[in-house]
Amino acid sequence: MELSVDIKKAAYRRHAVLENIRFTLSAGSFTAILGRNGSGKSTLLSCIAGILPFEGTICAGGIDLATLSGRERARRIAVMLQQPRAPHITVEELVCFGRRPYHTFGHDRPDALDLAKIEAAIHETALEPLRHRYVDTLSGGEQRRAHFAAMLAQDTPVVLLDESTAFMDAENEARYLELAAAMQGQKTVLAVLHDLSAAVRYARRVIVLDKGTVCFDGTAAAFAASGIPEAVFHVRRYTAQDEQGEQALFFR
């Protein structure tokens, strides 16, 4: 599903955070949003998710999201926030909530399709040993995995990830970035990342925000060669072997 964003202005207490943000994501693409702290990355995702008000229009599949109910929006867009809540429910119950947009909550019981998607999400995120644990008793990284699984179970054509690998160790971070990258061709993924090396490795397109506006929009390869990493993020580029022994580009 194509996602078209045209935000003229988004503000907190009259202070403009985003201005003149325009881009269109093709269906089945994986785009990374990069930027320094305070550049507006999370604000952008919150506008798309319908959490924050803004001036402009955001369309998914040609439909203005402002015209949809919350349930209809949740059937099109799944979002994993930067700081998701840790409710006192089990991991399995949290993953089940991913199917809520497709039912009248409290009335409809999960059907065979729901159960299949719930089981697949738990399996893909390796949460079988934790499925009966309470979410608020888990570590920060484990809680992230549980929310990621709920998002997978929601099974929407558009996925928003706001630094979804925060608090994860390197192994799990790579696992979930690979899961996100594997959605390409099936889902439109927009991911806020803090790791420039991961953005170049996994994303096909990179959008960089600086002071609330877009300062770069292009392929990951073009971003790596643009000078933006050095100028905006003050990092240097290195070529080294990755975990598989292949040559890869790194920034630090």
Protein backbone atom coordinates (compact mmCIF):
# COMPACT_ATOMS: atom_id res chain seq x y z
CA MET A 1 0.00 0.00 0.00
CA GLU A 2 1.39 3.39 -1.02
CA LEU A 3 1.85 5.97 1.76
CA SER A 4 1.78 9.66 0.85
CA VAL A 5 2.81 12.28 3.42
CA ASP A 6 2.28 16.04 3.08
CA ILE A 7 2.75 17.77 6.42
CA LYS A 8 2.76 21.54 6.21
CA LYS A 9 3.30 21.99 9.94
CA ALA A 10 3.28 20.04 13.19
CA ALA A 11 3.88 21.87 16.45
CA TYR A 12 4.16 21.45 20.21
CA ARG A 13 2.85 24.45 22.19
CA ARG A 14 3.14 26.71 19.14
CA HIS A 15 6.73 25.61 18.53
CA ALA A 16 7.02 24.14 15.03
CA VAL A 17 8.66 20.71 15.09
CA LEU A 18 8.01 19.73 11.47
CA GLU A 19 7.57 21.95 8.43
CA ASN A 20 7.00 21.13 4.78
CA ILE A 21 7.53 17.36 4.97
CA ARG A 22 6.54 15.75 1.69
CA PHE A 23 7.29 12.27 0.41
CA THR A 24 5.57 9.21 -1.03
CA LEU A 25 6.55 5.65 -0.16
CA SER A 26 5.87 3.04 -2.81
CA ALA A 27 4.01 -0.11 -1.80
CA GLY A 28 6.27 -2.82 -0.41
CA SER A 29 9.24 -0.54 0.28
CA PHE A 30 11.48 -0.25 3.35
CA THR A 31 12.48 3.33 4.20
CA ALA A 32 14.67 4.44 7.11
CA ILE A 33 14.11 7.78 8.83
CA LEU A 34 17.32 9.21 10.27
CA GLY A 35 18.10 12.37 12.19
CA ARG A 36 19.79 13.72 15.27
CA ASN A 37 17.91 14.00 18.58
CA GLY A 38 15.15 16.58 18.32
CA SER A 39 15.02 16.51 14.53
CA GLY A 40 11.35 15.43 14.48
CA LYS A 41 11.61 11.71 13.70
CA SER A 42 9.21 10.48 16.38
CA THR A 43 6.89 13.43 15.75
CA LEU A 44 6.66 12.41 12.10
CA LEU A 45 5.65 8.85 12.96
CA SER A 46 3.18 10.10 15.57
CA CYS A 47 1.51 12.28 12.92
CA ILE A 48 1.22 9.35 10.52
CA ALA A 49 -0.12 7.13 13.32
CA GLY A 50 -2.80 9.69 14.15
CA ILE A 51 -1.43 10.40 17.62
CA LEU A 52 -0.48 14.04 17.03
CA PRO A 53 -2.42 16.74 15.14
CA PHE A 54 -0.83 18.45 12.14
CA GLU A 55 -1.62 20.66 9.19
CA GLY A 56 -1.65 18.71 5.94
CA THR A 57 -2.72 15.37 4.53
CA ILE A 58 -1.54 11.79 4.93
CA CYS A 59 -2.98 9.13 2.62
CA ALA A 60 -2.63 5.36 2.63
CA GLY A 61 -3.67 3.62 -0.56
CA GLY A 62 -5.09 6.92 -1.80
CA ILE A 63 -7.39 7.33 1.23
CA ASP A 64 -6.99 10.31 3.57
CA LEU A 65 -6.33 8.78 6.99
CA ALA A 66 -8.18 11.66 8.66
CA THR A 67 -11.43 10.32 7.18
CA LEU A 68 -11.04 6.91 8.81
CA SER A 69 -12.14 5.67 12.21
CA GLY A 70 -9.50 4.47 14.64
CA ARG A 71 -10.38 0.85 13.87
CA GLU A 72 -10.19 1.42 10.11
CA ARG A 73 -6.83 3.15 10.46
CA ALA A 74 -5.52 0.26 12.59
CA ARG A 75 -6.38 -2.15 9.78
CA ARG A 76 -4.06 -0.20 7.48
CA ILE A 77 -1.24 0.98 9.74
CA ALA A 78 0.51 -0.73 12.65
CA VAL A 79 2.87 1.30 14.80
CA MET A 80 5.49 0.34 17.34
CA LEU A 81 6.18 3.35 19.52
CA GLN A 82 9.53 4.33 20.97
CA GLN A 83 8.34 3.75 24.54
CA PRO A 84 5.46 1.25 24.50
CA ARG A 85 3.53 0.56 27.68
CA ALA A 86 4.21 -2.54 29.75
CA PRO A 87 0.72 -3.71 30.82
CA HIS A 88 0.11 -6.39 33.43
CA ILE A 89 -1.04 -8.99 30.92
CA THR A 90 0.73 -12.00 29.49
CA VAL A 91 2.81 -11.87 26.33
CA GLU A 92 0.25 -14.07 24.58
CA GLU A 93 -2.57 -11.71 25.58
CA LEU A 94 -0.60 -8.72 24.30
CA VAL A 95 -0.01 -10.41 20.94
CA CYS A 96 -3.74 -11.21 20.77
CA PHE A 97 -4.43 -7.47 21.00
CA GLY A 98 -2.85 -7.16 17.57
CA ARG A 99 -6.01 -8.74 16.15
CA ARG A 100 -8.33 -6.30 17.95
CA PRO A 101 -8.96 -4.00 14.92
CA TYR A 102 -10.64 -6.89 13.11
CA HIS A 103 -13.20 -7.65 15.80
CA THR A 104 -15.67 -6.05 18.17
CA PHE A 105 -13.58 -6.16 21.32
CA GLY A 106 -15.16 -8.20 24.09
CA HIS A 107 -17.66 -9.86 21.78
CA ASP A 108 -15.89 -11.72 19.01
CA ARG A 109 -13.67 -14.66 19.84
CA PRO A 110 -10.44 -15.19 17.86
CA ASP A 111 -11.10 -17.27 14.78
CA ALA A 112 -8.75 -19.68 13.02
CA LEU A 113 -7.07 -16.88 11.04
CA ASP A 114 -6.45 -14.85 14.20
CA LEU A 115 -4.94 -17.82 16.01
CA ALA A 116 -2.70 -18.63 13.05
CA LYS A 117 -1.36 -15.06 12.90
CA ILE A 118 -0.85 -14.94 16.67
CA GLU A 119 1.09 -18.21 16.66
CA ALA A 120 3.17 -17.12 13.66
CA ALA A 121 4.07 -13.82 15.37
CA ILE A 122 5.09 -15.57 18.59
CA HIS A 123 7.19 -18.05 16.63
CA GLU A 124 8.90 -15.44 14.44
CA THR A 125 9.93 -13.43 17.50
CA ALA A 126 11.06 -16.51 19.48
CA LEU A 127 8.65 -15.74 22.32
CA GLU A 128 7.42 -19.28 22.99
CA PRO A 129 9.30 -19.52 26.33
CA LEU A 130 7.84 -16.18 27.46
CA ARG A 131 4.27 -16.45 26.19
CA HIS A 132 2.76 -16.91 29.67
CA ARG A 133 4.96 -14.33 31.40
CA TYR A 134 3.52 -10.94 32.34
CA VAL A 135 4.81 -8.17 30.10
CA ASP A 136 5.61 -5.85 33.02
CA THR A 137 7.95 -8.47 34.51
CA LEU A 138 10.13 -8.70 31.39
CA SER A 139 13.32 -6.87 30.58
CA GLY A 140 13.17 -3.83 28.29
CA GLY A 141 14.39 -5.86 25.31
CA GLU A 142 11.89 -8.66 25.97
CA GLN A 143 9.05 -6.15 26.21
CA ARG A 144 10.10 -4.78 22.82
CA ARG A 145 9.96 -8.27 21.36
CA ALA A 146 6.43 -8.74 22.72
CA HIS A 147 5.20 -5.47 21.21
CA PHE A 148 6.92 -6.33 17.93
CA ALA A 149 5.03 -9.63 17.90
CA ALA A 150 1.72 -7.84 18.50
CA MET A 151 2.50 -5.60 15.54
CA LEU A 152 3.25 -8.63 13.37
CA ALA A 153 -0.05 -10.22 14.40
CA GLN A 154 -1.90 -7.02 13.42
CA ASP A 155 -0.74 -7.76 9.85
CA THR A 156 -1.29 -4.34 8.25
CA PRO A 157 -0.06 -3.22 4.80
CA VAL A 158 1.82 -0.27 6.39
CA VAL A 159 4.19 -0.64 9.36
CA LEU A 160 5.75 2.18 11.41
CA LEU A 161 8.72 1.39 13.65
CA ASP A 162 10.03 4.05 16.05
CA GLU A 163 13.48 2.82 17.13
CA SER A 164 11.89 -0.57 17.69
CA THR A 165 15.22 -2.26 18.54
CA ALA A 166 16.00 -0.02 21.53
CA PHE A 167 17.10 -2.01 24.60
CA MET A 168 17.75 -5.11 22.48
CA ASP A 169 21.12 -6.83 22.42
CA ALA A 170 23.02 -7.01 19.13
CA GLU A 171 21.71 -10.49 18.25
CA ASN A 172 18.05 -9.57 18.71
CA GLU A 173 18.53 -6.18 17.03
CA ALA A 174 19.84 -7.90 13.91
CA ARG A 175 17.02 -10.46 14.07
CA TYR A 176 14.29 -7.83 14.09
CA LEU A 177 15.87 -5.64 11.46
CA GLU A 178 16.04 -8.71 9.24
CA LEU A 179 12.36 -9.41 9.98
CA ALA A 180 11.51 -5.82 9.06
CA ALA A 181 13.59 -5.99 5.89
CA ALA A 182 11.91 -9.28 4.95
CA MET A 183 8.56 -7.44 4.86
CA GLN A 184 9.68 -5.64 1.70
CA GLY A 185 7.48 -6.50 -1.23
CA GLN A 186 4.59 -7.32 1.10
CA LYS A 187 4.38 -4.31 3.43
CA THR A 188 5.37 -0.66 3.31
CA VAL A 189 7.79 -0.15 6.21
CA LEU A 190 8.88 3.21 7.61
CA ALA A 191 11.44 2.79 10.39
CA VAL A 192 13.10 5.38 12.59
CA LEU A 193 16.63 4.12 13.18
CA HIS A 194 19.52 5.50 15.20
CA ASP A 195 22.14 3.20 13.66
CA LEU A 196 23.34 4.62 10.33
CA SER A 197 25.14 1.40 9.45
CA ALA A 198 21.93 -0.60 9.93
CA ALA A 199 19.99 1.90 7.81
CA VAL A 200 22.41 1.51 4.90
CA ARG A 201 22.44 -2.26 5.27
CA TYR A 202 18.70 -2.95 5.55
CA ALA A 203 16.81 -0.03 3.99
CA ARG A 204 16.47 0.71 0.29
CA ARG A 205 15.61 4.36 0.85
CA VAL A 206 16.80 6.85 3.45
CA ILE A 207 15.12 10.09 4.52
CA VAL A 208 17.10 12.38 6.81
CA LEU A 209 15.43 15.01 8.98
CA ASP A 210 17.36 18.01 10.25
CA LYS A 211 15.71 20.75 12.30
CA GLY A 212 12.25 19.59 11.30
CA THR A 213 12.75 19.47 7.55
CA VAL A 214 13.98 16.90 5.03
CA CYS A 215 17.65 17.43 4.19
CA PHE A 216 18.13 14.19 2.24
CA ASP A 217 15.85 11.73 0.45
CA GLY A 218 17.36 9.02 -1.73
CA THR A 219 18.71 5.50 -1.91
CA ALA A 220 20.77 4.04 0.91
CA ALA A 221 23.81 3.93 -1.39
CA ALA A 222 23.37 7.60 -2.31
CA PHE A 223 23.06 8.50 1.38
CA ALA A 224 26.31 6.69 2.21
CA ALA A 225 28.15 8.65 -0.49
CA SER A 226 26.40 11.99 0.06
CA GLY A 227 28.52 13.43 2.84
CA ILE A 228 25.38 13.75 5.00
CA PRO A 229 26.63 11.21 7.58
CA GLU A 230 29.75 13.30 8.14
CA ALA A 231 28.06 16.72 7.94
CA VAL A 232 24.91 16.04 9.96
CA PHE A 233 25.85 13.16 12.25
CA HIS A 234 29.58 13.88 12.58
CA VAL A 235 30.62 10.29 12.00
CA ARG A 236 33.21 8.66 9.78
CA ARG A 237 32.71 5.83 7.33
CA TYR A 238 34.63 2.58 7.47
CA THR A 239 34.69 -0.58 5.39
CA ALA A 240 35.08 -3.77 7.38
CA GLN A 241 33.92 -7.36 7.52
CA ASP A 242 30.47 -8.03 8.94
CA GLU A 243 29.41 -11.07 10.98
CA GLN A 244 29.25 -13.20 7.80
CA GLY A 245 32.75 -12.18 6.77
CA GLU A 246 31.54 -9.99 3.92
CA GLN A 247 32.69 -6.43 3.23
CA ALA A 248 30.22 -3.92 4.70
CA LEU A 249 30.01 -0.19 5.29
CA PHE A 250 29.99 1.10 8.86
CA PHE A 251 29.64 4.56 10.43
CA ARG A 252 30.92 5.55 13.85
